[in-house]
Amino acid sequence: MVLKNSKVLFRQVFPNAWNPIITTLSGWLASLLTGAFFVEYVFNFRGLGDLTIQSLSQFDVPVVLGCCVVTVSVFIVTNLFVDILYSLTDPRIKI
């Protein structure tokens, strides 16, 4: 008895492959957010990175703290979303 390729993929391969895929995508998202700061600075785009750099150069502590809180909040929400996806894709993982 031979199984179809699609049945093997969807029942055996994909359930075991989702966790590394999710981990990789979340790492890429963190890199994109960090890289956006440098891209904004180099190409003189207006954004959170530009605001952070200007605030640092002017010693505007409350704005720097606000920018850090926004950035850290994005990382926390991303990690929370990844943890929820882990529990949905792998029944061995409980939240």
Protein backbone atom coordinates (compact mmCIF):
# COMPACT_ATOMS: atom_id res chain seq x y z
CA MET A 1 0.00 0.00 0.00
CA VAL A 2 1.44 3.32 -1.08
CA LEU A 3 0.46 6.68 0.39
CA LYS A 4 -0.06 9.72 -1.78
CA ASN A 5 2.54 12.46 -1.56
CA SER A 6 -0.03 15.02 -0.47
CA LYS A 7 -1.20 12.80 2.39
CA VAL A 8 2.37 12.31 3.60
CA LEU A 9 3.09 16.04 3.37
CA PHE A 10 -0.02 17.21 5.20
CA ARG A 11 -0.06 14.52 7.89
CA GLN A 12 3.63 13.91 8.56
CA VAL A 13 5.84 16.68 7.23
CA PHE A 14 3.96 19.95 7.75
CA PRO A 15 2.92 19.43 11.39
CA ASN A 16 6.56 18.88 12.32
CA ALA A 17 7.83 21.72 10.15
CA TRP A 18 5.59 24.54 11.42
CA ASN A 19 7.55 25.36 14.59
CA PRO A 20 10.89 26.01 12.83
CA ILE A 21 9.08 28.02 10.15
CA ILE A 22 7.33 30.17 12.75
CA THR A 23 10.59 30.69 14.65
CA THR A 24 12.40 31.78 11.50
CA LEU A 25 9.65 34.19 10.47
CA SER A 26 9.55 35.81 13.91
CA GLY A 27 13.33 36.28 13.81
CA TRP A 28 13.04 37.89 10.41
CA LEU A 29 10.37 40.26 11.71
CA ALA A 30 12.66 41.36 14.53
CA SER A 31 15.48 41.93 12.05
CA LEU A 32 13.21 43.93 9.77
CA LEU A 33 12.13 46.20 12.60
CA THR A 34 15.71 46.75 13.73
CA GLY A 35 16.89 47.30 10.16
CA ALA A 36 14.16 49.88 9.60
CA PHE A 37 15.87 52.17 12.11
CA PHE A 38 19.07 52.15 10.07
CA VAL A 39 17.29 52.49 6.72
CA GLU A 40 15.38 55.51 7.98
CA TYR A 41 18.58 57.09 9.22
CA VAL A 42 20.61 56.41 6.07
CA PHE A 43 17.94 57.41 3.54
CA ASN A 44 16.54 60.25 5.65
CA PHE A 45 13.02 58.79 5.91
CA ARG A 46 10.66 60.12 8.56
CA GLY A 47 9.70 57.39 11.00
CA LEU A 48 10.25 55.92 14.42
CA GLY A 49 13.95 55.37 13.80
CA ASP A 50 14.45 58.96 12.68
CA LEU A 51 12.51 60.23 15.68
CA THR A 52 14.63 58.10 18.02
CA ILE A 53 17.92 59.32 16.52
CA GLN A 54 16.82 62.98 16.65
CA SER A 55 15.65 62.59 20.24
CA LEU A 56 18.93 60.97 21.24
CA SER A 57 20.93 63.79 19.69
CA GLN A 58 18.80 66.41 21.49
CA PHE A 59 18.81 64.50 24.83
CA ASP A 60 15.00 64.35 24.79
CA VAL A 61 14.65 61.52 27.30
CA PRO A 62 10.82 61.19 27.38
CA VAL A 63 10.61 60.79 23.60
CA VAL A 64 13.46 58.25 23.60
CA LEU A 65 11.68 56.29 26.32
CA GLY A 66 8.43 56.42 24.33
CA CYS A 67 10.18 55.13 21.20
CA CYS A 68 11.76 52.33 23.21
CA VAL A 69 8.40 51.40 24.75
CA VAL A 70 6.77 51.23 21.31
CA THR A 71 9.60 49.11 19.89
CA VAL A 72 9.68 46.76 22.86
CA SER A 73 5.89 46.45 22.75
CA VAL A 74 6.08 45.31 19.13
CA PHE A 75 8.65 42.67 20.09
CA ILE A 76 6.54 41.49 23.04
CA VAL A 77 3.36 41.23 20.96
CA THR A 78 5.28 39.36 18.26
CA ASN A 79 6.67 36.86 20.78
CA LEU A 80 3.24 36.41 22.35
CA PHE A 81 1.74 35.75 18.91
CA VAL A 82 4.51 33.24 18.16
CA ASP A 83 3.88 31.43 21.45
CA ILE A 84 0.16 31.21 20.65
CA LEU A 85 0.97 29.86 17.18
CA TYR A 86 3.27 27.26 18.75
CA SER A 87 0.46 26.00 20.96
CA LEU A 88 -1.91 25.84 17.99
CA THR A 89 0.48 23.96 15.72
CA ASP A 90 1.99 21.56 18.24
CA PRO A 91 -0.32 19.81 20.71
CA ARG A 92 2.64 19.00 23.01
CA ILE A 93 3.10 22.71 23.79
CA LYS A 94 0.73 24.20 26.37
CA ILE A 95 0.41 27.85 27.28
